[in-house]
Amino acid sequence: MRPAVYATDLRVVAGDATLLGPVALTVGAGDWVNVIGPNGAGKTTLLRALGGLADFSGRVDHHGKPLKALSRRKRARSIGFVAQSPAIPPGLTIEQYVLFGRAPHLRPLASEGPRDFEVVARTLAQLGLAGLSEREVQTLSGGERQRTALARALAQEPRLLLLDEPTSALDIGHQQEVLELVDRLRRDIKITVISTMHDLTLAARYGDHLVMLAAGQVIASGPPVQVLTGPHLAAHYGACVDVITHRGQLVVVPIREDGEPSSVPARQPLPRPKEHRNART
């Protein structure tokens, strides 16, 4: 079976600066790969290059077809991209916004037909948004907005879903809600997911495979247990952590250099009494 994504010698350059590369990456159909790394490592740049949203050199194939050979319309039919902070024009309802995802399937100057509204209705139902379809997107909570942005991408009926920090603005409850939803849809509708993540514990929980970037280079690639190691995190994040297994899952626990858990406040000296310069002796 052909991989969903195959990249080799992938590079992104801006002027004299190399932002990414060379990178080699193979993602199997139906897999979920999480890209991790410190700030400025090139995670978003990699995601944009894989989606054809950034100029790159080297080779990127989607399901055996060179990405550069695909028209913008064909790319949009095959690849859904959800930005970290999606730009949403004011005044749009959820249904109107999600209908944008059907644009790649419309002929020039054509309007949406029954098939497009059917796809949107099904997608809204899958994401628990059917009862909110007439709400303006700007009035939604963070979790609802994230689901709405995901719905627009899924309405494209993509084979590959690219998610840039999908949980960065969400509390822990909404983080789990969104990631569980993506995982269920990935299995139900057979799509491939590549996402960037800052939360390493969540990256290990939901990723079949992790790719660690640093300074635009792949530092480690493989199952979470091979990538999330103390030496890797110390060397490339400058972090002092323990990586433990809890209920069969990897958990990254920050620790203080003196060995105490970081949740324990540092011991502070008792405050000295204030001196009164004019006090009588």
C-alpha atoms as a PDB file:
ATOM      1  CA  MET A   1       0.000   0.000   0.000  1.00  0.00           C
ATOM      2  CA  ARG A   2       1.287   3.457  -0.888  1.00  0.00           C
ATOM      3  CA  PRO A   3       1.962   5.764   2.055  1.00  0.00           C
ATOM      4  CA  ALA A   4      -0.348   8.723   2.549  1.00  0.00           C
ATOM      5  CA  VAL A   5       2.654  11.064   2.679  1.00  0.00           C
ATOM      6  CA  TYR A   6       6.172  10.512   1.439  1.00  0.00           C
ATOM      7  CA  ALA A   7       8.756  13.293   1.681  1.00  0.00           C
ATOM      8  CA  THR A   8      12.473  13.258   1.004  1.00  0.00           C
ATOM      9  CA  ASP A   9      15.073  16.037   0.995  1.00  0.00           C
ATOM     10  CA  LEU A  10      12.270  18.454   1.940  1.00  0.00           C
ATOM     11  CA  ARG A  11      13.598  21.990   2.541  1.00  0.00           C
ATOM     12  CA  VAL A  12      12.039  25.394   3.142  1.00  0.00           C
ATOM     13  CA  VAL A  13      14.288  28.409   2.653  1.00  0.00           C
ATOM     14  CA  ALA A  14      13.579  32.110   3.231  1.00  0.00           C
ATOM     15  CA  GLY A  15      16.306  34.304   1.779  1.00  0.00           C
ATOM     16  CA  ASP A  16      19.599  33.016   3.138  1.00  0.00           C
ATOM     17  CA  ALA A  17      17.945  31.232   6.061  1.00  0.00           C
ATOM     18  CA  THR A  18      17.001  27.543   6.000  1.00  0.00           C
ATOM     19  CA  LEU A  19      13.796  27.235   8.001  1.00  0.00           C
ATOM     20  CA  LEU A  20      13.409  23.505   7.530  1.00  0.00           C
ATOM     21  CA  GLY A  21      15.362  20.569   6.265  1.00  0.00           C
ATOM     22  CA  PRO A  22      16.486  18.426   4.905  1.00  0.00           C
ATOM     23  CA  VAL A  23      13.567  16.328   6.170  1.00  0.00           C
ATOM     24  CA  ALA A  24      12.560  12.789   5.225  1.00  0.00           C
ATOM     25  CA  LEU A  25       9.157  11.528   6.327  1.00  0.00           C
ATOM     26  CA  THR A  26       6.869   8.600   5.551  1.00  0.00           C
ATOM     27  CA  VAL A  27       3.323   8.474   6.947  1.00  0.00           C
ATOM     28  CA  GLY A  28       1.170   5.397   6.426  1.00  0.00           C
ATOM     29  CA  ALA A  29      -2.458   5.677   5.355  1.00  0.00           C
ATOM     30  CA  GLY A  30      -4.696   5.981   8.411  1.00  0.00           C
ATOM     31  CA  ASP A  31      -1.840   6.807  10.805  1.00  0.00           C
ATOM     32  CA  TRP A  32      -1.722   9.706  13.255  1.00  0.00           C
ATOM     33  CA  VAL A  33       1.699  11.368  13.425  1.00  0.00           C
ATOM     34  CA  ASN A  34       2.428  14.129  15.932  1.00  0.00           C
ATOM     35  CA  VAL A  35       5.228  16.588  15.238  1.00  0.00           C
ATOM     36  CA  ILE A  36       6.844  17.941  18.404  1.00  0.00           C
ATOM     37  CA  GLY A  37       9.782  20.189  19.212  1.00  0.00           C
ATOM     38  CA  PRO A  38      10.713  23.426  20.970  1.00  0.00           C
ATOM     39  CA  ASN A  39       9.491  26.836  19.819  1.00  0.00           C
ATOM     40  CA  GLY A  40      11.018  27.780  16.476  1.00  0.00           C
ATOM     41  CA  ALA A  41      11.839  24.170  15.581  1.00  0.00           C
ATOM     42  CA  GLY A  42       9.968  24.344  12.258  1.00  0.00           C
ATOM     43  CA  LYS A  43       6.811  22.412  13.168  1.00  0.00           C
ATOM     44  CA  THR A  44       4.312  24.737  11.502  1.00  0.00           C
ATOM     45  CA  THR A  45       6.634  25.222   8.530  1.00  0.00           C
ATOM     46  CA  LEU A  46       6.728  21.439   8.022  1.00  0.00           C
ATOM     47  CA  LEU A  47       2.957  21.187   8.218  1.00  0.00           C
ATOM     48  CA  ARG A  48       2.463  24.013   5.707  1.00  0.00           C
ATOM     49  CA  ALA A  49       4.987  22.487   3.311  1.00  0.00           C
ATOM     50  CA  LEU A  50       3.245  19.103   3.469  1.00  0.00           C
ATOM     51  CA  GLY A  51      -0.028  20.840   2.632  1.00  0.00           C
ATOM     52  CA  GLY A  52       1.438  22.819  -0.266  1.00  0.00           C
ATOM     53  CA  LEU A  53       0.954  26.098   1.622  1.00  0.00           C
ATOM     54  CA  ALA A  54       4.670  26.964   1.716  1.00  0.00           C
ATOM     55  CA  ASP A  55       7.232  26.941  -1.061  1.00  0.00           C
ATOM     56  CA  PHE A  56       9.643  24.033  -0.710  1.00  0.00           C
ATOM     57  CA  SER A  57      12.306  22.113  -2.548  1.00  0.00           C
ATOM     58  CA  GLY A  58      12.671  18.360  -2.557  1.00  0.00           C
ATOM     59  CA  ARG A  59       9.950  15.789  -3.004  1.00  0.00           C
ATOM     60  CA  VAL A  60       6.547  15.446  -1.352  1.00  0.00           C
ATOM     61  CA  ASP A  61       4.060  12.818  -2.548  1.00  0.00           C
ATOM     62  CA  HIS A  62       0.449  12.375  -1.457  1.00  0.00           C
ATOM     63  CA  HIS A  63      -0.847   8.852  -2.000  1.00  0.00           C
ATOM     64  CA  GLY A  64       1.756   8.306  -4.707  1.00  0.00           C
ATOM     65  CA  LYS A  65       1.192  11.607  -6.552  1.00  0.00           C
ATOM     66  CA  PRO A  66       3.703  14.483  -6.453  1.00  0.00           C
ATOM     67  CA  LEU A  67       2.228  17.377  -4.483  1.00  0.00           C
ATOM     68  CA  LYS A  68       3.633  19.940  -6.915  1.00  0.00           C
ATOM     69  CA  ALA A  69       1.796  18.242  -9.787  1.00  0.00           C
ATOM     70  CA  LEU A  70      -1.594  18.731  -8.102  1.00  0.00           C
ATOM     71  CA  SER A  71      -3.652  21.832  -8.821  1.00  0.00           C
ATOM     72  CA  ARG A  72      -4.823  23.957  -5.894  1.00  0.00           C
ATOM     73  CA  ARG A  73      -8.317  22.540  -6.326  1.00  0.00           C
ATOM     74  CA  LYS A  74      -7.085  18.936  -6.263  1.00  0.00           C
ATOM     75  CA  ARG A  75      -4.923  19.656  -3.204  1.00  0.00           C
ATOM     76  CA  ALA A  76      -7.909  21.179  -1.421  1.00  0.00           C
ATOM     77  CA  ARG A  77      -9.997  18.102  -2.185  1.00  0.00           C
ATOM     78  CA  SER A  78      -7.355  15.810  -0.726  1.00  0.00           C
ATOM     79  CA  ILE A  79      -5.850  17.848   2.146  1.00  0.00           C
ATOM     80  CA  GLY A  80      -7.644  19.589   5.005  1.00  0.00           C
ATOM     81  CA  PHE A  81      -5.673  22.134   7.023  1.00  0.00           C
ATOM     82  CA  VAL A  82      -6.707  23.623  10.378  1.00  0.00           C
ATOM     83  CA  ALA A  83      -4.560  26.558  11.472  1.00  0.00           C
ATOM     84  CA  GLN A  84      -3.732  27.246  15.093  1.00  0.00           C
ATOM     85  CA  SER A  85      -5.867  30.425  15.018  1.00  0.00           C
ATOM     86  CA  PRO A  86      -8.215  30.115  12.028  1.00  0.00           C
ATOM     87  CA  ALA A  87      -9.277  33.387  10.410  1.00  0.00           C
ATOM     88  CA  ILE A  88     -13.067  33.511  10.546  1.00  0.00           C
ATOM     89  CA  PRO A  89     -14.882  36.432   8.857  1.00  0.00           C
ATOM     90  CA  PRO A  90     -17.383  38.093  11.222  1.00  0.00           C
ATOM     91  CA  GLY A  91     -21.099  37.525  10.833  1.00  0.00           C
ATOM     92  CA  LEU A  92     -20.920  33.954   9.535  1.00  0.00           C
ATOM     93  CA  THR A  93     -23.024  31.192  11.006  1.00  0.00           C
ATOM     94  CA  ILE A  94     -21.493  27.795  11.641  1.00  0.00           C
ATOM     95  CA  GLU A  95     -23.261  26.319   8.612  1.00  0.00           C
ATOM     96  CA  GLN A  96     -22.074  29.140   6.335  1.00  0.00           C
ATOM     97  CA  TYR A  97     -18.498  28.775   7.521  1.00  0.00           C
ATOM     98  CA  VAL A  98     -18.440  24.993   7.172  1.00  0.00           C
ATOM     99  CA  LEU A  99     -19.895  25.305   3.654  1.00  0.00           C
ATOM    100  CA  PHE A 100     -16.599  26.970   2.662  1.00  0.00           C
ATOM    101  CA  GLY A 101     -15.138  23.496   2.889  1.00  0.00           C
ATOM    102  CA  ARG A 102     -17.200  22.455  -0.121  1.00  0.00           C
ATOM    103  CA  ALA A 103     -15.657  25.121  -2.393  1.00  0.00           C
ATOM    104  CA  PRO A 104     -13.040  22.757  -3.931  1.00  0.00           C
ATOM    105  CA  HIS A 105     -15.850  20.480  -5.115  1.00  0.00           C
ATOM    106  CA  LEU A 106     -17.847  23.214  -6.887  1.00  0.00           C
ATOM    107  CA  ARG A 107     -17.539  24.143 -10.540  1.00  0.00           C
ATOM    108  CA  PRO A 108     -16.560  27.758 -11.250  1.00  0.00           C
ATOM    109  CA  LEU A 109     -19.424  30.163 -10.428  1.00  0.00           C
ATOM    110  CA  ALA A 110     -21.605  27.251  -9.252  1.00  0.00           C
ATOM    111  CA  SER A 111     -23.489  27.363  -5.960  1.00  0.00           C
ATOM    112  CA  GLU A 112     -23.843  24.595  -3.394  1.00  0.00           C
ATOM    113  CA  GLY A 113     -26.200  21.764  -4.223  1.00  0.00           C
ATOM    114  CA  PRO A 114     -28.026  19.058  -2.246  1.00  0.00           C
ATOM    115  CA  ARG A 115     -24.898  16.898  -2.032  1.00  0.00           C
ATOM    116  CA  ASP A 116     -22.915  19.767  -0.442  1.00  0.00           C
ATOM    117  CA  PHE A 117     -25.587  20.490   2.167  1.00  0.00           C
ATOM    118  CA  GLU A 118     -25.810  16.770   2.896  1.00  0.00           C
ATOM    119  CA  VAL A 119     -22.045  16.579   3.571  1.00  0.00           C
ATOM    120  CA  VAL A 120     -22.167  19.663   5.798  1.00  0.00           C
ATOM    121  CA  ALA A 121     -25.160  18.361   7.771  1.00  0.00           C
ATOM    122  CA  ARG A 122     -23.459  15.010   8.314  1.00  0.00           C
ATOM    123  CA  THR A 123     -20.214  16.683   9.387  1.00  0.00           C
ATOM    124  CA  LEU A 124     -21.980  18.987  11.847  1.00  0.00           C
ATOM    125  CA  ALA A 125     -23.761  15.982  13.333  1.00  0.00           C
ATOM    126  CA  GLN A 126     -20.490  14.064  13.678  1.00  0.00           C
ATOM    127  CA  LEU A 127     -18.942  16.961  15.595  1.00  0.00           C
ATOM    128  CA  GLY A 128     -21.968  17.655  17.800  1.00  0.00           C
ATOM    129  CA  LEU A 129     -22.688  21.000  16.121  1.00  0.00           C
ATOM    130  CA  ALA A 130     -26.004  20.257  14.395  1.00  0.00           C
ATOM    131  CA  GLY A 131     -28.023  22.132  17.006  1.00  0.00           C
ATOM    132  CA  LEU A 132     -25.775  25.193  16.701  1.00  0.00           C
ATOM    133  CA  SER A 133     -25.713  25.552  12.910  1.00  0.00           C
ATOM    134  CA  GLU A 134     -27.434  28.964  12.943  1.00  0.00           C
ATOM    135  CA  ARG A 135     -25.175  30.400  15.664  1.00  0.00           C
ATOM    136  CA  GLU A 136     -22.598  32.989  14.633  1.00  0.00           C
ATOM    137  CA  VAL A 137     -19.112  31.555  14.893  1.00  0.00           C
ATOM    138  CA  GLN A 138     -17.885  34.629  16.771  1.00  0.00           C
ATOM    139  CA  THR A 139     -20.249  33.834  19.658  1.00  0.00           C
ATOM    140  CA  LEU A 140     -18.905  30.323  20.254  1.00  0.00           C
ATOM    141  CA  SER A 141     -16.729  29.068  23.069  1.00  0.00           C
ATOM    142  CA  GLY A 142     -13.134  28.014  22.380  1.00  0.00           C
ATOM    143  CA  GLY A 143     -14.024  24.343  22.132  1.00  0.00           C
ATOM    144  CA  GLU A 144     -16.976  25.018  19.835  1.00  0.00           C
ATOM    145  CA  ARG A 145     -14.861  27.242  17.567  1.00  0.00           C
ATOM    146  CA  GLN A 146     -12.190  24.550  17.334  1.00  0.00           C
ATOM    147  CA  ARG A 147     -14.795  21.953  16.394  1.00  0.00           C
ATOM    148  CA  THR A 148     -16.215  24.363  13.811  1.00  0.00           C
ATOM    149  CA  ALA A 149     -12.792  24.877  12.204  1.00  0.00           C
ATOM    150  CA  LEU A 150     -12.351  21.113  12.159  1.00  0.00           C
ATOM    151  CA  ALA A 151     -15.789  20.715  10.567  1.00  0.00           C
ATOM    152  CA  ARG A 152     -14.854  23.075   7.725  1.00  0.00           C
ATOM    153  CA  ALA A 153     -11.745  20.986   6.988  1.00  0.00           C
ATOM    154  CA  LEU A 154     -13.662  17.698   7.185  1.00  0.00           C
ATOM    155  CA  ALA A 155     -16.361  19.052   4.850  1.00  0.00           C
ATOM    156  CA  GLN A 156     -13.659  19.015   2.172  1.00  0.00           C
ATOM    157  CA  GLU A 157     -13.755  15.194   2.518  1.00  0.00           C
ATOM    158  CA  PRO A 158      -9.948  15.059   2.686  1.00  0.00           C
ATOM    159  CA  ARG A 159      -7.777  11.978   2.799  1.00  0.00           C
ATOM    160  CA  LEU A 160      -5.174  13.856   4.867  1.00  0.00           C
ATOM    161  CA  LEU A 161      -5.915  16.154   7.803  1.00  0.00           C
ATOM    162  CA  LEU A 162      -3.218  18.616   8.965  1.00  0.00           C
ATOM    163  CA  LEU A 163      -3.764  20.160  12.412  1.00  0.00           C
ATOM    164  CA  ASP A 164      -1.541  22.966  13.716  1.00  0.00           C
ATOM    165  CA  GLU A 165      -1.653  22.982  17.532  1.00  0.00           C
ATOM    166  CA  PRO A 166      -5.329  21.943  17.652  1.00  0.00           C
ATOM    167  CA  THR A 167      -5.577  22.236  21.452  1.00  0.00           C
ATOM    168  CA  SER A 168      -3.336  25.233  22.230  1.00  0.00           C
ATOM    169  CA  ALA A 169      -6.168  27.567  23.300  1.00  0.00           C
ATOM    170  CA  LEU A 170      -8.310  24.965  25.064  1.00  0.00           C
ATOM    171  CA  ASP A 171      -8.637  23.860  28.663  1.00  0.00           C
ATOM    172  CA  ILE A 172      -7.874  20.252  29.511  1.00  0.00           C
ATOM    173  CA  GLY A 173     -11.481  19.112  29.154  1.00  0.00           C
ATOM    174  CA  HIS A 174     -11.871  20.597  25.683  1.00  0.00           C
ATOM    175  CA  GLN A 175      -8.422  19.290  24.718  1.00  0.00           C
ATOM    176  CA  GLN A 176      -9.530  15.740  25.424  1.00  0.00           C
ATOM    177  CA  GLU A 177     -12.872  16.342  23.708  1.00  0.00           C
ATOM    178  CA  VAL A 178     -11.284  17.562  20.462  1.00  0.00           C
ATOM    179  CA  LEU A 179      -8.542  14.917  20.342  1.00  0.00           C
ATOM    180  CA  GLU A 180     -10.910  12.048  21.114  1.00  0.00           C
ATOM    181  CA  LEU A 181     -13.189  13.346  18.382  1.00  0.00           C
ATOM    182  CA  VAL A 182     -10.349  13.471  15.835  1.00  0.00           C
ATOM    183  CA  ASP A 183      -9.252   9.962  16.815  1.00  0.00           C
ATOM    184  CA  ARG A 184     -12.766   8.570  16.423  1.00  0.00           C
ATOM    185  CA  LEU A 185     -13.300  10.262  13.053  1.00  0.00           C
ATOM    186  CA  ARG A 186      -9.889   9.099  11.851  1.00  0.00           C
ATOM    187  CA  ARG A 187     -10.946   5.515  12.431  1.00  0.00           C
ATOM    188  CA  ASP A 188     -14.536   5.929  11.221  1.00  0.00           C
ATOM    189  CA  ILE A 189     -13.837   7.719   7.937  1.00  0.00           C
ATOM    190  CA  LYS A 190     -10.310   6.377   7.318  1.00  0.00           C
ATOM    191  CA  ILE A 191      -8.246   9.541   7.122  1.00  0.00           C
ATOM    192  CA  THR A 192      -4.591  10.231   7.941  1.00  0.00           C
ATOM    193  CA  VAL A 193      -3.731  12.860  10.564  1.00  0.00           C
ATOM    194  CA  ILE A 194      -0.529  14.870  10.994  1.00  0.00           C
ATOM    195  CA  SER A 195      -0.573  17.423  13.796  1.00  0.00           C
ATOM    196  CA  THR A 196       1.815  19.651  15.689  1.00  0.00           C
ATOM    197  CA  MET A 197       1.624  19.629  19.491  1.00  0.00           C
ATOM    198  CA  HIS A 198       3.262  21.347  22.432  1.00  0.00           C
ATOM    199  CA  ASP A 199       1.790  19.060  25.101  1.00  0.00           C
ATOM    200  CA  LEU A 200       4.089  16.046  25.030  1.00  0.00           C
ATOM    201  CA  THR A 201       1.852  13.809  27.128  1.00  0.00           C
ATOM    202  CA  LEU A 202      -1.072  14.388  24.758  1.00  0.00           C
ATOM    203  CA  ALA A 203       1.232  13.889  21.771  1.00  0.00           C
ATOM    204  CA  ALA A 204       2.219  10.469  23.122  1.00  0.00           C
ATOM    205  CA  ARG A 205      -1.370   9.548  23.989  1.00  0.00           C
ATOM    206  CA  TYR A 206      -2.842  10.261  20.564  1.00  0.00           C
ATOM    207  CA  GLY A 207       0.071   9.742  18.181  1.00  0.00           C
ATOM    208  CA  ASP A 208       0.972   6.388  16.629  1.00  0.00           C
ATOM    209  CA  HIS A 209       4.303   7.945  15.735  1.00  0.00           C
ATOM    210  CA  LEU A 210       6.204  11.046  16.891  1.00  0.00           C
ATOM    211  CA  VAL A 211       8.604  13.220  14.918  1.00  0.00           C
ATOM    212  CA  MET A 212      10.810  15.530  16.996  1.00  0.00           C
ATOM    213  CA  LEU A 213      12.188  18.617  15.269  1.00  0.00           C
ATOM    214  CA  ALA A 214      14.907  20.986  16.448  1.00  0.00           C
ATOM    215  CA  ALA A 215      16.339  23.837  14.376  1.00  0.00           C
ATOM    216  CA  GLY A 216      14.498  22.518  11.324  1.00  0.00           C
ATOM    217  CA  GLN A 217      16.009  19.043  11.556  1.00  0.00           C
ATOM    218  CA  VAL A 218      14.447  15.692  12.485  1.00  0.00           C
ATOM    219  CA  ILE A 219      16.143  14.732  15.748  1.00  0.00           C
ATOM    220  CA  ALA A 220      14.128  11.614  16.503  1.00  0.00           C
ATOM    221  CA  SER A 221      11.337   9.687  14.805  1.00  0.00           C
ATOM    222  CA  GLY A 222       9.472   6.622  15.959  1.00  0.00           C
ATOM    223  CA  PRO A 223       7.022   5.331  18.573  1.00  0.00           C
ATOM    224  CA  PRO A 224       6.504   7.684  21.548  1.00  0.00           C
ATOM    225  CA  VAL A 225       8.539   5.457  23.890  1.00  0.00           C
ATOM    226  CA  GLN A 226      11.590   5.904  21.645  1.00  0.00           C
ATOM    227  CA  VAL A 227      11.218   9.642  21.075  1.00  0.00           C
ATOM    228  CA  LEU A 228      10.109  10.920  24.487  1.00  0.00           C
ATOM    229  CA  THR A 229      13.233  10.256  26.518  1.00  0.00           C
ATOM    230  CA  GLY A 230      14.873  12.321  29.222  1.00  0.00           C
ATOM    231  CA  PRO A 231      18.067  12.874  27.182  1.00  0.00           C
ATOM    232  CA  HIS A 232      16.118  14.035  24.101  1.00  0.00           C
ATOM    233  CA  LEU A 233      14.007  16.467  26.098  1.00  0.00           C
ATOM    234  CA  ALA A 234      16.977  17.779  28.061  1.00  0.00           C
ATOM    235  CA  ALA A 235      19.104  18.280  24.950  1.00  0.00           C
ATOM    236  CA  HIS A 236      16.510  19.930  22.717  1.00  0.00           C
ATOM    237  CA  TYR A 237      13.972  21.486  25.086  1.00  0.00           C
ATOM    238  CA  GLY A 238      16.392  22.352  27.876  1.00  0.00           C
ATOM    239  CA  ALA A 239      13.869  20.655  30.159  1.00  0.00           C
ATOM    240  CA  CYS A 240      14.377  18.742  33.383  1.00  0.00           C
ATOM    241  CA  VAL A 241      11.714  16.013  33.282  1.00  0.00           C
ATOM    242  CA  ASP A 242      10.874  12.462  34.154  1.00  0.00           C
ATOM    243  CA  VAL A 243       9.116  10.328  31.543  1.00  0.00           C
ATOM    244  CA  ILE A 244       7.017   7.759  33.379  1.00  0.00           C
ATOM    245  CA  THR A 245       4.391   5.179  32.508  1.00  0.00           C
ATOM    246  CA  HIS A 246       1.012   5.615  34.191  1.00  0.00           C
ATOM    247  CA  ARG A 247      -1.815   3.188  33.428  1.00  0.00           C
ATOM    248  CA  GLY A 248       0.083   2.058  30.370  1.00  0.00           C
ATOM    249  CA  GLN A 249       0.559   5.568  28.962  1.00  0.00           C
ATOM    250  CA  LEU A 250       3.634   7.796  28.800  1.00  0.00           C
ATOM    251  CA  VAL A 251       3.491  10.907  30.964  1.00  0.00           C
ATOM    252  CA  VAL A 252       6.052  13.725  30.894  1.00  0.00           C
ATOM    253  CA  VAL A 253       6.529  15.138  34.409  1.00  0.00           C
ATOM    254  CA  PRO A 254       8.549  18.340  34.942  1.00  0.00           C
ATOM    255  CA  ILE A 255      10.928  18.128  37.922  1.00  0.00           C
ATOM    256  CA  ARG A 256      13.206  20.588  39.661  1.00  0.00           C
ATOM    257  CA  GLU A 257      16.935  20.183  39.374  1.00  0.00           C
ATOM    258  CA  ASP A 258      17.082  19.304  43.067  1.00  0.00           C
ATOM    259  CA  GLY A 259      14.866  16.303  42.319  1.00  0.00           C
ATOM    260  CA  GLU A 260      11.647  17.641  43.828  1.00  0.00           C
ATOM    261  CA  PRO A 261       8.484  17.707  41.681  1.00  0.00           C
ATOM    262  CA  SER A 262       7.974  21.110  40.097  1.00  0.00           C
ATOM    263  CA  SER A 263       4.535  21.356  41.696  1.00  0.00           C
ATOM    264  CA  VAL A 264       6.186  21.701  45.109  1.00  0.00           C
ATOM    265  CA  PRO A 265       6.904  25.379  45.689  1.00  0.00           C
ATOM    266  CA  ALA A 266      10.514  26.274  46.275  1.00  0.00           C
ATOM    267  CA  ARG A 267      11.395  26.866  49.890  1.00  0.00           C
ATOM    268  CA  GLN A 268      11.618  30.587  50.591  1.00  0.00           C
ATOM    269  CA  PRO A 269      13.442  32.169  53.546  1.00  0.00           C
ATOM    270  CA  LEU A 270      11.267  33.695  56.215  1.00  0.00           C
ATOM    271  CA  PRO A 271      10.803  37.457  55.699  1.00  0.00           C
ATOM    272  CA  ARG A 272      12.926  39.650  57.890  1.00  0.00           C
ATOM    273  CA  PRO A 273      11.207  42.163  60.195  1.00  0.00           C
ATOM    274  CA  LYS A 274      11.096  45.636  58.747  1.00  0.00           C
ATOM    275  CA  GLU A 275      13.627  48.020  60.210  1.00  0.00           C
ATOM    276  CA  HIS A 276      12.352  51.333  61.577  1.00  0.00           C
ATOM    277  CA  ARG A 277      15.102  53.869  61.261  1.00  0.00           C
ATOM    278  CA  ASN A 278      13.560  56.197  63.861  1.00  0.00           C
ATOM    279  CA  ALA A 279      12.756  53.543  66.435  1.00  0.00           C
ATOM    280  CA  ARG A 280      13.972  54.282  69.969  1.00  0.00           C
ATOM    281  CA  THR A 281      16.446  51.954  71.618  1.00  0.00           C
END
